[in-house]
Amino acid sequence: MNDPTSAQAEGRTVLLRGGEVHSPADPFATAMVVERGTVAWVGSEGAADSFADGVDEVVHLDGALVTPAFTDAHVHTTATGLALTGLDLAGARTLADALGRVRAYAEAHPDDRILLGHGWDASGWPEGRPPTRAELDEAAGRRPLYLTRIDVHSAVVTTALLDLVPGVAEMAGRHVVSAAAPLTGAAHHAVRAAARAAVTARQRTDAQRAALARAASLGIGSVHECAGPDISAEDDLTGLLRLAAEEPGPRVFGYWAEAAASAADLDKVRDLGALGAAGDLFVDGSLGSHTAHLHEPYADAPHTGTAHLDAAAVAAHVIACTEAGLQAGFHAIGDAAVTTVVEGVRAAADKVGLARVRAARHRVEHAEMLTPETIAAFAELGLTASVQPAFDAAWGGETGMYAQRLGPERARTLNPFAALLRAGVPLALGSDSPVTPLDPWGTVRAAAFHRTPEHRVSARAAFIAHTRGGWRAIGRDDAGVLVPGAPADYAVWRTGELVVQVPDTRVADWSTDPRSGTPGLPDLTPGGQLPVCVRTVVAGRTVHLRPDE
């Protein structure tokens, strides 16, 4: 395949030919013309000859697949970059392994003011517990250390870090006294702020670049940054948006998760350049940290989690955002939290009108514990479900973390993607990186091969939710698809034979018959090799080119 980097910029006209172009405009398309950052034409190889003399460059695809670039609808960019470039415990298989990695990292970074790490998950360790403060103190050499659990809703820290946060003992209560349980709630937010303050502007920018480069290398053309006062900082969001505007890379659409009681409270959201007061505006926490808000107690803890907002606060926020012309959105995982969101949004619709609420396309992030009643309410209220199929791949199944926390019966109800689609609820897929890695084809596979078969969706439905769905979630219906007039955001892939797959595991459900009239996708059967991205293009400009191409 020839190198079109110089031609793949805004203002140039490029003909791509000799491949497979995934387009609903023509399920048999093998060629595409891009002009001034926009898809100008898709069609057959024979018809492409008429364009060959009027373009700046001809790209010979050599049988490669061209698809819309993916949109990851829930990302924490700086945290992703810090995990990519720093101490990542996601691969630790035992407590001893995690402590060994902490010790090695501390020895290799003697000048860091605070050691930062992410990704531990004791639910899969044979020891069945996180490290104690004494163990971390020893491994880190008595230095300040902040380690987030994989869900980022709790953390373990060293005594030296606690000493830097006045009053944290009162915030954490028994958690500090015991020196064994991870920090949650206000105490976690306080130590996270201290750790975040230790990251220099250069470290932050380097982390953001690393995260966006990784996204581009995976065929991701845009990300939704879910920022907010409890999880990042204003300068983190504005710096990221500025970086994305100034340097070639994926598009970044920002959200700022701060509750509003009136439209005047939303001036900051506009000033920051965010699309809405949405993303991780916490109604509850997470299942792994026992902070998701449930109607019934956890199977492995004698409580129902943590509620951060009630229905009245949700309603006030939705009313303020709707009247200001901005998106509202909430983080809600537990069934009680989802109920709170539904009750609040319905109360807002009663106040400002259902049509206005639906038109605003408000969002709910994660939405894992749904019932038929809350699914119907999502459809009625026009709520977009921003979901992460990799959560089920990581923690679903009869013996996974979900089953540990909820028991097998409740665990089987989680992440009901098929029921959401049947009800007409818009889906946007994402990773919540660094909670689960940036991995778009893996995400599509996880939705198509959900651990609970009745929740599976077709690979095509999952693919649409991970491309066009992300654009629709920000109010754009003209993007995320390769048709004339759409933004030229696309990826080129080396892959095997293309197939059409429905949500089942029977061989008969896989088809390569072109008479289906449906654009094919790579075979995503678990265990098989996923497609390899050789190029990612955003607005007609190449933002990733595989070195060996």
Protein backbone atom coordinates (compact mmCIF):
# COMPACT_ATOMS: atom_id res chain seq x y z
CA MET A 1 0.00 0.00 0.00
CA ASN A 2 1.49 3.33 -0.97
CA ASP A 3 1.99 6.10 1.59
CA PRO A 4 -0.66 8.84 1.23
CA THR A 5 0.35 10.83 4.30
CA SER A 6 1.09 14.03 2.39
CA ALA A 7 -2.15 13.81 0.46
CA GLN A 8 -4.40 12.89 3.38
CA ALA A 9 -4.76 16.46 4.61
CA GLU A 10 -7.63 18.89 4.47
CA GLY A 11 -7.88 20.53 1.05
CA ARG A 12 -6.60 17.51 -0.88
CA THR A 13 -8.63 15.08 -2.97
CA VAL A 14 -7.81 11.38 -2.60
CA LEU A 15 -9.13 8.25 -4.27
CA LEU A 16 -8.91 5.04 -2.23
CA ARG A 17 -9.42 1.92 -4.34
CA GLY A 18 -8.95 -1.82 -4.42
CA GLY A 19 -10.28 -2.63 -0.98
CA GLU A 20 -13.53 -3.11 0.92
CA VAL A 21 -15.32 0.08 1.97
CA HIS A 22 -17.85 -0.39 4.78
CA SER A 23 -20.67 1.89 3.69
CA PRO A 24 -24.47 1.65 3.93
CA ALA A 25 -24.60 3.68 0.72
CA ASP A 26 -23.17 0.69 -1.17
CA PRO A 27 -22.64 -2.66 0.58
CA PHE A 28 -20.35 -3.75 -2.27
CA ALA A 29 -18.22 -0.59 -2.36
CA THR A 30 -14.52 -1.05 -3.09
CA ALA A 31 -13.50 2.57 -3.56
CA MET A 32 -13.99 5.97 -1.96
CA VAL A 33 -13.17 9.59 -2.80
CA VAL A 34 -12.29 12.08 -0.06
CA GLU A 35 -12.33 15.78 -0.84
CA ARG A 36 -11.50 18.64 1.55
CA GLY A 37 -11.94 16.50 4.63
CA THR A 38 -15.31 15.07 3.53
CA VAL A 39 -16.42 11.82 1.94
CA ALA A 40 -17.33 12.79 -1.62
CA TRP A 41 -18.18 9.41 -3.18
CA VAL A 42 -18.27 5.66 -2.50
CA GLY A 43 -18.73 3.02 -5.16
CA SER A 44 -17.27 0.22 -7.23
CA GLU A 45 -13.77 -0.30 -8.57
CA GLY A 46 -14.91 0.10 -12.15
CA ALA A 47 -16.56 3.45 -11.52
CA ALA A 48 -13.44 4.65 -9.70
CA ASP A 49 -11.61 4.93 -13.03
CA SER A 50 -13.58 8.09 -13.83
CA PHE A 51 -12.03 9.82 -10.78
CA ALA A 52 -8.44 8.72 -11.23
CA ASP A 53 -7.27 11.70 -13.27
CA GLY A 54 -8.96 14.38 -11.12
CA VAL A 55 -7.48 13.60 -7.70
CA ASP A 56 -4.29 14.58 -5.96
CA GLU A 57 -3.47 11.04 -4.90
CA VAL A 58 -4.59 7.49 -5.56
CA VAL A 59 -4.30 5.12 -2.60
CA HIS A 60 -4.15 1.43 -3.52
CA LEU A 61 -5.72 -0.44 -0.61
CA ASP A 62 -4.46 -3.88 -1.66
CA GLY A 63 -7.59 -5.53 -0.28
CA ALA A 64 -7.69 -3.67 3.03
CA LEU A 65 -10.93 -2.84 4.80
CA VAL A 66 -11.97 0.80 5.22
CA THR A 67 -14.44 1.61 8.00
CA PRO A 68 -15.61 4.73 9.80
CA ALA A 69 -13.19 5.57 12.60
CA PHE A 70 -14.36 4.46 16.01
CA THR A 71 -15.64 6.84 18.66
CA ASP A 72 -14.85 5.95 22.25
CA ALA A 73 -17.73 7.52 24.16
CA HIS A 74 -16.17 7.48 27.64
CA VAL A 75 -12.48 8.19 28.21
CA HIS A 76 -10.28 9.74 30.90
CA THR A 77 -7.42 10.83 28.66
CA THR A 78 -4.80 12.00 31.14
CA ALA A 79 -5.36 9.02 33.43
CA THR A 80 -5.09 6.74 30.39
CA GLY A 81 -1.81 8.30 29.40
CA LEU A 82 -0.42 8.10 32.92
CA ALA A 83 -1.32 4.40 33.01
CA LEU A 84 0.34 3.87 29.63
CA THR A 85 3.53 5.63 30.67
CA GLY A 86 3.61 4.83 34.40
CA LEU A 87 2.79 2.15 36.95
CA ASP A 88 0.00 -0.03 35.52
CA LEU A 89 -1.14 -2.86 37.80
CA ALA A 90 -3.84 -4.18 35.48
CA GLY A 91 -1.65 -7.16 34.62
CA ALA A 92 -0.88 -8.08 38.23
CA ARG A 93 -2.22 -11.57 38.95
CA THR A 94 -1.49 -11.74 42.69
CA LEU A 95 -1.02 -9.40 45.61
CA ALA A 96 2.67 -10.31 45.71
CA ASP A 97 3.00 -9.49 42.02
CA ALA A 98 1.38 -6.08 42.58
CA LEU A 99 3.66 -5.26 45.50
CA GLY A 100 6.68 -6.34 43.48
CA ARG A 101 5.69 -3.99 40.68
CA VAL A 102 5.26 -1.13 43.15
CA ARG A 103 8.70 -1.81 44.61
CA ALA A 104 10.38 -1.92 41.20
CA TYR A 105 8.63 1.24 40.03
CA ALA A 106 9.59 3.15 43.18
CA GLU A 107 13.22 2.16 42.76
CA ALA A 108 13.17 3.21 39.10
CA HIS A 109 11.64 6.63 39.82
CA PRO A 110 13.58 8.07 42.76
CA ASP A 111 12.79 11.70 41.87
CA ASP A 112 8.97 11.49 41.59
CA ARG A 113 7.30 13.57 44.28
CA ILE A 114 4.33 11.19 44.41
CA LEU A 115 4.21 7.72 42.92
CA LEU A 116 1.08 7.16 40.84
CA GLY A 117 -0.38 3.86 39.74
CA HIS A 118 -3.60 2.31 38.51
CA GLY A 119 -5.38 -0.91 37.76
CA TRP A 120 -5.23 -3.29 40.73
CA ASP A 121 -8.19 -5.64 41.11
CA ALA A 122 -8.09 -7.86 44.17
CA SER A 123 -11.30 -9.68 43.15
CA GLY A 124 -9.20 -11.90 40.91
CA TRP A 125 -6.23 -12.40 43.22
CA PRO A 126 -5.81 -15.64 45.18
CA GLU A 127 -5.23 -13.59 48.34
CA GLY A 128 -8.67 -12.00 47.83
CA ARG A 129 -7.70 -8.65 49.33
CA PRO A 130 -5.94 -5.41 48.40
CA PRO A 131 -2.57 -4.46 49.89
CA THR A 132 -2.55 -3.02 53.38
CA ARG A 133 -1.07 0.39 54.11
CA ALA A 134 1.88 -1.22 55.90
CA GLU A 135 2.64 -3.38 52.86
CA LEU A 136 2.52 -0.36 50.58
CA ASP A 137 4.66 1.72 52.92
CA GLU A 138 7.35 -0.94 52.73
CA ALA A 139 7.10 -1.47 48.97
CA ALA A 140 7.19 2.26 48.20
CA GLY A 141 10.08 2.99 50.53
CA ARG A 142 7.92 5.14 52.85
CA ARG A 143 7.17 7.56 49.98
CA PRO A 144 3.81 9.04 48.97
CA LEU A 145 1.96 6.54 46.76
CA TYR A 146 -1.54 6.64 45.22
CA LEU A 147 -2.92 3.48 43.58
CA THR A 148 -6.42 3.48 42.11
CA ARG A 149 -8.49 0.34 41.91
CA ILE A 150 -9.31 -0.62 38.32
CA ASP A 151 -12.73 1.09 38.54
CA VAL A 152 -11.11 4.33 39.83
CA HIS A 153 -13.74 4.59 42.59
CA SER A 154 -11.39 3.65 45.40
CA ALA A 155 -7.68 3.71 46.07
CA VAL A 156 -5.01 2.40 48.38
CA VAL A 157 -2.36 4.83 49.57
CA THR A 158 0.70 5.06 51.77
CA THR A 159 0.96 6.79 55.12
CA ALA A 160 3.25 9.39 53.56
CA LEU A 161 0.49 10.46 51.18
CA LEU A 162 -2.10 10.65 53.95
CA ASP A 163 0.27 12.94 55.85
CA LEU A 164 0.00 15.42 52.94
CA VAL A 165 -3.82 15.63 53.19
CA PRO A 166 -5.01 17.40 56.35
CA GLY A 167 -8.29 16.11 57.73
CA VAL A 168 -8.43 12.96 55.63
CA ALA A 169 -8.78 10.80 58.73
CA GLU A 170 -12.05 12.51 59.63
CA MET A 171 -13.30 12.08 56.05
CA ALA A 172 -12.46 8.39 55.92
CA GLY A 173 -13.37 7.35 59.45
CA ARG A 174 -12.83 3.66 59.96
CA HIS A 175 -10.97 3.28 56.64
CA VAL A 176 -7.96 5.14 57.96
CA VAL A 177 -8.23 3.59 61.42
CA SER A 178 -8.17 0.06 59.98
CA ALA A 179 -5.38 0.89 57.51
CA ALA A 180 -6.63 -2.04 55.43
CA ALA A 181 -9.69 -0.95 53.47
CA PRO A 182 -9.34 1.16 50.31
CA LEU A 183 -10.34 4.82 50.53
CA THR A 184 -13.68 5.80 49.02
CA GLY A 185 -15.91 8.88 48.95
CA ALA A 186 -14.62 12.21 50.26
CA ALA A 187 -11.39 10.71 51.57
CA HIS A 188 -10.59 9.27 48.16
CA HIS A 189 -11.36 12.57 46.44
CA ALA A 190 -9.05 14.38 48.86
CA VAL A 191 -6.06 12.11 48.30
CA ARG A 192 -6.73 12.06 44.56
CA ALA A 193 -6.55 15.86 44.52
CA ALA A 194 -3.20 15.74 46.31
CA ALA A 195 -1.88 13.15 43.87
CA ARG A 196 -3.18 15.08 40.89
CA ALA A 197 -1.51 18.25 42.11
CA ALA A 198 1.85 16.48 41.96
CA VAL A 199 1.54 15.92 38.20
CA THR A 200 3.40 18.67 36.36
CA ALA A 201 1.98 20.40 33.30
CA ARG A 202 4.58 18.68 31.14
CA GLN A 203 3.75 15.24 32.57
CA ARG A 204 0.08 15.88 31.94
CA THR A 205 0.60 16.95 28.33
CA ASP A 206 2.92 14.00 27.68
CA ALA A 207 0.29 11.66 29.12
CA GLN A 208 -2.43 13.18 26.95
CA ARG A 209 -0.29 12.83 23.84
CA ALA A 210 0.44 9.20 24.69
CA ALA A 211 -3.24 8.42 25.18
CA LEU A 212 -4.35 10.11 21.97
CA ALA A 213 -1.56 8.42 20.01
CA ARG A 214 -2.67 5.04 21.35
CA ALA A 215 -6.27 5.82 20.42
CA ALA A 216 -5.27 6.79 16.87
CA SER A 217 -3.19 3.61 16.49
CA LEU A 218 -6.34 1.60 17.23
CA GLY A 219 -8.54 3.30 14.64
CA ILE A 220 -10.23 5.63 17.12
CA GLY A 221 -11.00 8.96 15.47
CA SER A 222 -12.73 10.69 18.37
CA VAL A 223 -13.06 10.38 22.12
CA HIS A 224 -15.49 11.77 24.66
CA GLU A 225 -13.44 13.11 27.57
CA CYS A 226 -15.37 12.72 30.81
CA ALA A 227 -13.84 15.36 33.07
CA GLY A 228 -15.07 16.92 36.28
CA PRO A 229 -14.06 18.48 39.58
CA ASP A 230 -13.96 15.15 41.42
CA ILE A 231 -11.90 13.28 38.84
CA SER A 232 -9.64 15.76 37.03
CA ALA A 233 -9.28 19.54 36.92
CA GLU A 234 -10.32 22.49 34.81
CA ASP A 235 -6.83 23.02 33.40
CA ASP A 236 -6.64 19.33 32.57
CA LEU A 237 -9.74 19.60 30.35
CA THR A 238 -8.82 22.92 28.74
CA GLY A 239 -5.26 21.73 28.13
CA LEU A 240 -6.52 18.56 26.47
CA LEU A 241 -8.97 20.42 24.24
CA ARG A 242 -6.22 22.86 23.27
CA LEU A 243 -3.81 20.02 22.49
CA ALA A 244 -6.39 18.26 20.33
CA ALA A 245 -7.08 21.48 18.42
CA GLU A 246 -3.41 22.23 17.80
CA GLU A 247 -1.95 18.81 16.98
CA PRO A 248 -3.07 16.09 14.54
CA GLY A 249 -4.89 13.32 16.34
CA PRO A 250 -8.33 12.10 17.32
CA ARG A 251 -11.05 14.65 17.91
CA VAL A 252 -11.79 15.31 21.59
CA PHE A 253 -15.29 16.19 22.77
CA GLY A 254 -15.31 17.27 26.39
CA TYR A 255 -17.84 16.96 29.19
CA TRP A 256 -17.61 18.61 32.61
CA ALA A 257 -19.41 16.75 35.41
CA GLU A 258 -20.52 19.45 37.82
CA ALA A 259 -24.08 19.64 39.11
CA ALA A 260 -26.13 22.73 38.32
CA ALA A 261 -29.15 24.11 40.12
CA SER A 262 -29.85 26.77 37.50
CA ALA A 263 -28.80 27.75 34.00
CA ALA A 264 -26.44 30.37 35.48
CA ASP A 265 -24.44 27.57 37.10
CA LEU A 266 -23.53 26.32 33.64
CA ASP A 267 -21.40 29.29 32.56
CA LYS A 268 -18.29 27.36 33.59
CA VAL A 269 -19.23 24.47 31.31
CA ARG A 270 -19.34 26.79 28.30
CA ASP A 271 -16.16 28.59 29.35
CA LEU A 272 -14.31 25.29 29.55
CA GLY A 273 -15.40 24.37 26.02
CA ALA A 274 -17.43 21.37 27.15
CA LEU A 275 -20.49 20.06 25.32
CA GLY A 276 -22.45 19.60 28.50
CA ALA A 277 -22.53 19.07 32.23
CA ALA A 278 -22.38 15.33 31.84
CA GLY A 279 -20.09 12.34 31.98
CA ASP A 280 -19.09 11.23 35.45
CA LEU A 281 -21.56 13.32 37.43
CA PHE A 282 -21.81 10.68 40.13
CA VAL A 283 -25.19 9.42 41.24
CA ASP A 284 -23.36 6.45 42.77
CA GLY A 285 -20.02 4.65 42.64
CA SER A 286 -18.99 1.24 41.34
CA LEU A 287 -19.75 -2.41 42.00
CA GLY A 288 -16.13 -3.38 42.46
CA SER A 289 -15.66 -0.82 45.23
CA HIS A 290 -19.05 -1.65 46.83
CA THR A 291 -20.19 1.94 46.19
CA ALA A 292 -22.77 1.42 43.42
CA HIS A 293 -26.20 2.22 44.89
CA LEU A 294 -28.47 -0.84 45.03
CA HIS A 295 -32.08 -1.46 45.98
CA GLU A 296 -31.05 -4.60 47.87
CA PRO A 297 -27.80 -5.21 49.80
CA TYR A 298 -24.69 -6.61 48.21
CA ALA A 299 -24.23 -10.36 48.34
CA ASP A 300 -20.81 -9.88 49.97
CA ALA A 301 -21.40 -6.75 52.07
CA PRO A 302 -24.18 -5.75 54.49
CA HIS A 303 -25.16 -2.48 52.83
CA THR A 304 -26.57 -1.00 49.60
CA GLY A 305 -23.70 1.24 48.51
CA THR A 306 -23.52 5.01 48.23
CA ALA A 307 -25.96 7.58 46.83
CA HIS A 308 -24.44 10.92 45.81
CA LEU A 309 -27.49 12.60 44.23
CA ASP A 310 -31.21 12.24 44.80
CA ALA A 311 -34.01 12.56 42.25
CA ALA A 312 -34.58 16.23 43.10
CA ALA A 313 -30.94 17.09 42.38
CA VAL A 314 -31.09 15.11 39.12
CA ALA A 315 -34.25 16.97 38.09
CA ALA A 316 -32.74 20.38 38.89
CA HIS A 317 -29.66 19.56 36.84
CA VAL A 318 -31.63 18.31 33.85
CA ILE A 319 -33.91 21.35 33.93
CA ALA A 320 -30.93 23.73 34.08
CA CYS A 321 -29.12 21.98 31.22
CA THR A 322 -32.22 21.69 29.05
CA GLU A 323 -33.02 25.38 29.47
CA ALA A 324 -29.39 26.29 28.72
CA GLY A 325 -29.30 24.14 25.58
CA LEU A 326 -26.64 21.79 26.99
CA GLN A 327 -26.52 18.06 27.53
CA ALA A 328 -26.96 16.70 31.02
CA GLY A 329 -25.59 13.35 31.98
CA PHE A 330 -24.97 11.12 34.95
CA HIS A 331 -22.83 8.23 36.09
CA ALA A 332 -25.25 5.56 37.34
CA ILE A 333 -24.40 1.88 37.78
CA GLY A 334 -26.56 0.36 40.53
CA ASP A 335 -30.28 -0.26 40.06
CA ALA A 336 -31.18 2.29 42.75
CA ALA A 337 -28.97 4.90 41.08
CA VAL A 338 -30.56 4.25 37.68
CA THR A 339 -34.00 4.58 39.29
CA THR A 340 -32.94 7.92 40.77
CA VAL A 341 -31.89 9.16 37.32
CA VAL A 342 -35.13 8.04 35.71
CA GLU A 343 -37.26 9.64 38.42
CA GLY A 344 -35.29 12.87 38.20
CA VAL A 345 -35.35 13.12 34.42
CA ARG A 346 -39.08 12.34 34.36
CA ALA A 347 -39.68 15.13 36.90
CA ALA A 348 -37.66 17.48 34.69
CA ALA A 349 -39.75 16.47 31.67
CA ASP A 350 -42.90 17.28 33.62
CA LYS A 351 -41.49 20.76 34.23
CA VAL A 352 -39.95 21.73 30.86
CA GLY A 353 -41.76 19.32 28.53
CA LEU A 354 -40.95 15.83 27.32
CA ALA A 355 -40.15 16.98 23.79
CA ARG A 356 -37.44 19.37 25.03
CA VAL A 357 -35.89 16.74 27.25
CA ARG A 358 -35.84 14.19 24.45
CA ALA A 359 -34.35 16.70 22.00
CA ALA A 360 -31.46 17.42 24.39
CA ARG A 361 -30.24 13.79 24.19
CA HIS A 362 -29.18 13.61 27.82
CA ARG A 363 -26.86 10.73 28.70
CA VAL A 364 -26.42 8.04 31.31
CA GLU A 365 -22.93 6.58 31.67
CA HIS A 366 -22.55 2.84 32.39
CA ALA A 367 -26.22 2.08 33.24
CA GLU A 368 -25.36 -1.48 34.16
CA MET A 369 -28.19 -2.58 36.47
CA LEU A 370 -31.32 -2.00 34.42
CA THR A 371 -34.82 -3.39 34.69
CA PRO A 372 -37.54 -3.60 32.03
CA GLU A 373 -39.12 -0.54 33.65
CA THR A 374 -35.97 1.61 33.58
CA ILE A 375 -35.17 0.49 30.03
CA ALA A 376 -38.64 1.62 28.94
CA ALA A 377 -38.06 4.92 30.74
CA PHE A 378 -34.77 5.47 28.89
CA ALA A 379 -36.63 5.05 25.61
CA GLU A 380 -39.48 7.33 26.71
CA LEU A 381 -37.14 10.09 27.88
CA GLY A 382 -34.73 9.88 24.95
CA LEU A 383 -31.75 9.01 27.14
CA THR A 384 -28.58 7.74 25.50
CA ALA A 385 -26.97 4.78 27.23
CA SER A 386 -23.18 5.21 27.14
CA VAL A 387 -22.04 1.68 27.93
CA GLN A 388 -18.84 -0.35 28.19
CA PRO A 389 -19.13 -3.96 26.95
CA ALA A 390 -15.60 -4.74 28.17
CA PHE A 391 -16.97 -4.52 31.72
CA ASP A 392 -18.93 -7.70 31.09
CA ALA A 393 -15.93 -9.36 29.44
CA ALA A 394 -13.79 -8.52 32.48
CA TRP A 395 -16.23 -9.10 35.34
CA GLY A 396 -19.25 -10.99 34.04
CA GLY A 397 -19.94 -14.72 34.12
CA GLU A 398 -20.94 -17.13 36.84
CA THR A 399 -17.80 -16.63 38.94
CA GLY A 400 -16.77 -13.09 38.00
CA MET A 401 -16.71 -9.98 40.16
CA TYR A 402 -20.35 -9.17 39.37
CA ALA A 403 -21.43 -12.54 40.73
CA GLN A 404 -19.26 -12.05 43.81
CA ARG A 405 -20.83 -8.68 44.54
CA LEU A 406 -24.45 -9.42 43.58
CA GLY A 407 -24.89 -13.18 43.44
CA PRO A 408 -25.30 -15.03 40.12
CA GLU A 409 -29.00 -14.20 39.65
CA ARG A 410 -28.65 -10.43 39.81
CA ALA A 411 -25.31 -10.57 37.99
CA ARG A 412 -26.99 -12.16 34.96
CA THR A 413 -29.20 -9.08 34.52
CA LEU A 414 -26.30 -6.66 34.02
CA ASN A 415 -25.54 -4.80 30.80
CA PRO A 416 -28.66 -5.87 28.84
CA PHE A 417 -27.59 -4.43 25.49
CA ALA A 418 -30.10 -6.39 23.39
CA ALA A 419 -33.04 -5.22 25.50
CA LEU A 420 -31.88 -1.62 25.21
CA LEU A 421 -31.72 -1.84 21.43
CA ARG A 422 -35.09 -3.57 21.19
CA ALA A 423 -36.62 -0.73 23.21
CA GLY A 424 -35.11 1.86 20.88
CA VAL A 425 -32.58 3.25 23.37
CA PRO A 426 -29.58 4.85 21.59
CA LEU A 427 -26.30 3.15 22.48
CA ALA A 428 -22.83 4.67 22.43
CA LEU A 429 -19.96 2.31 23.22
CA GLY A 430 -16.80 3.21 25.07
CA SER A 431 -14.04 1.87 27.28
CA ASP A 432 -13.97 4.11 30.37
CA SER A 433 -10.21 3.93 29.83
CA PRO A 434 -8.12 3.39 31.87
CA VAL A 435 -10.74 1.26 33.66
CA THR A 436 -10.67 -1.05 30.64
CA PRO A 437 -8.22 -0.50 27.79
CA LEU A 438 -8.81 1.38 24.58
CA ASP A 439 -9.77 -1.56 22.33
CA PRO A 440 -12.57 -0.86 19.85
CA TRP A 441 -12.76 -4.21 18.08
CA GLY A 442 -12.49 -5.94 21.44
CA THR A 443 -15.40 -3.81 22.61
CA VAL A 444 -17.51 -4.82 19.61
CA ARG A 445 -16.59 -8.45 20.25
CA ALA A 446 -17.57 -8.15 23.93
CA ALA A 447 -21.03 -6.84 22.98
CA ALA A 448 -21.54 -9.52 20.32
CA PHE A 449 -20.39 -12.31 22.66
CA HIS A 450 -21.77 -11.05 25.97
CA ARG A 451 -21.26 -13.61 28.76
CA THR A 452 -25.05 -13.73 29.15
CA PRO A 453 -26.34 -14.86 25.73
CA GLU A 454 -29.70 -13.07 25.88
CA HIS A 455 -27.89 -9.72 26.17
CA ARG A 456 -25.87 -10.19 22.97
CA VAL A 457 -26.31 -7.92 19.98
CA SER A 458 -25.10 -8.43 16.43
CA ALA A 459 -21.59 -7.36 15.59
CA ARG A 460 -23.10 -4.88 13.14
CA ALA A 461 -25.27 -3.28 15.84
CA ALA A 462 -22.30 -3.04 18.19
CA PHE A 463 -20.11 -1.61 15.43
CA ILE A 464 -22.69 1.07 14.64
CA ALA A 465 -22.96 1.92 18.34
CA HIS A 466 -19.17 2.30 18.49
CA THR A 467 -18.94 4.49 15.40
CA ARG A 468 -22.12 6.35 14.52
CA GLY A 469 -23.54 5.94 18.04
CA GLY A 470 -20.82 8.07 19.55
CA TRP A 471 -21.52 10.90 17.14
CA ARG A 472 -25.26 10.70 17.73
CA ALA A 473 -24.56 10.92 21.46
CA ILE A 474 -23.15 14.43 20.91
CA GLY A 475 -26.06 15.43 18.68
CA ARG A 476 -24.44 14.75 15.29
CA ASP A 477 -26.41 12.50 12.95
CA ASP A 478 -24.26 13.18 9.88
CA ALA A 479 -21.04 11.51 11.02
CA GLY A 480 -19.60 8.13 11.94
CA VAL A 481 -20.60 6.59 8.63
CA LEU A 482 -18.94 6.56 5.20
CA VAL A 483 -21.49 8.23 2.96
CA PRO A 484 -21.18 11.30 0.74
CA GLY A 485 -21.19 14.46 2.83
CA ALA A 486 -19.96 12.80 6.03
CA PRO A 487 -16.70 13.84 7.70
CA ALA A 488 -13.77 11.84 6.35
CA ASP A 489 -12.95 10.13 9.65
CA TYR A 490 -11.99 6.57 8.77
CA ALA A 491 -9.60 3.73 9.50
CA VAL A 492 -7.90 1.20 7.23
CA TRP A 493 -7.51 -2.37 8.46
CA ARG A 494 -5.70 -5.57 7.61
CA THR A 495 -8.13 -8.34 8.43
CA GLY A 496 -9.41 -11.72 7.35
CA GLU A 497 -12.58 -12.64 5.51
CA LEU A 498 -15.58 -10.40 6.16
CA VAL A 499 -18.78 -11.89 7.53
CA VAL A 500 -22.28 -10.91 8.63
CA GLN A 501 -23.08 -12.01 12.18
CA VAL A 502 -26.23 -12.00 14.29
CA PRO A 503 -26.34 -12.25 18.10
CA ASP A 504 -25.85 -15.98 18.54
CA THR A 505 -22.97 -18.43 18.46
CA ARG A 506 -24.27 -20.89 15.89
CA VAL A 507 -22.11 -21.31 12.80
CA ALA A 508 -25.19 -20.79 10.60
CA ASP A 509 -25.41 -17.22 11.82
CA TRP A 510 -22.13 -16.32 10.08
CA SER A 511 -22.43 -15.55 6.39
CA THR A 512 -20.15 -14.39 3.60
CA ASP A 513 -22.97 -14.41 1.06
CA PRO A 514 -22.91 -11.04 -0.78
CA ARG A 515 -26.62 -11.41 -1.55
CA SER A 516 -27.31 -10.37 2.05
CA GLY A 517 -26.77 -6.78 0.94
CA THR A 518 -25.26 -5.98 4.34
CA PRO A 519 -21.70 -4.65 4.59
CA GLY A 520 -19.49 -7.29 6.14
CA LEU A 521 -17.30 -7.00 9.21
CA PRO A 522 -14.29 -8.97 10.43
CA ASP A 523 -14.90 -12.33 12.08
CA LEU A 524 -14.85 -11.47 15.81
CA THR A 525 -15.22 -15.00 17.17
CA PRO A 526 -13.52 -15.09 20.59
CA GLY A 527 -9.97 -16.32 20.35
CA GLY A 528 -9.51 -15.12 16.80
CA GLN A 529 -7.14 -12.36 15.77
CA LEU A 530 -8.61 -8.87 15.72
CA PRO A 531 -8.05 -6.51 12.77
CA VAL A 532 -4.83 -4.51 12.67
CA CYS A 533 -5.11 -0.77 12.06
CA VAL A 534 -2.73 0.46 9.36
CA ARG A 535 -4.04 4.00 9.08
CA THR A 536 -6.39 6.36 10.88
CA VAL A 537 -7.65 9.51 9.19
CA VAL A 538 -9.51 12.40 10.86
CA ALA A 539 -11.08 15.14 8.74
CA GLY A 540 -9.03 13.92 5.77
CA ARG A 541 -5.72 14.07 7.65
CA THR A 542 -3.71 10.99 8.54
CA VAL A 543 -3.20 10.87 12.31
CA HIS A 544 -1.75 7.35 12.44
CA LEU A 545 0.21 5.36 9.88
CA ARG A 546 1.56 1.94 10.75
CA PRO A 547 5.35 2.06 10.29
CA ASP A 548 5.56 -1.00 8.02
CA GLU A 549 2.97 0.28 5.55
